[in-house]
Amino acid sequence: MEPKKTEARNRVEMRAENDTRIVVMVGEFDMETSSELRTALDPEAPGVSRFVLDISAVTFADSTALSIMLQPALNRPVVLAGEVQPRMARLLQITGCDRAFAAAPNVTDAMAMALPGLRGELRDGDL
């Protein structure tokens, strides 16, 4: 008997531009399908000062995926880029997590955003 072939329900693409990690999320993300997302959004990733998440092609996300998305936001800016699909927008809204992320219409604008430091960090020009 041949092993059952399953079609991938999602895809995670990751690239770096300077000190920003850009993560493109496509498809459905839940407890069974979020391991690649967990790797891409490692909150301890060295050399990363900001995460940009392109979530325009996310068709479903559960609390596991949302938790993974929130982890790096504890100590680094996370910008959600792209048009947020209705299901994802509702999840962010009802959980209050929409306030944890900055938002931009696309990855290019997200990369250009000036973001404040977190946890009282001072940056040049703050004094």
Foldseek 3Di string as FASTA:
>chain_A
DDDDDDDQQWDWDWDDDQQEIEIEIAGEEDPVRCPVVLVSLPLPDPSHQEYEYAQQHYPYYDPVSVVSQCVNLVFHAYEYEADHDPRRVVVCVVVVVVVSHHYDRHPVVVVVDDDDGPPPDDDPPPD
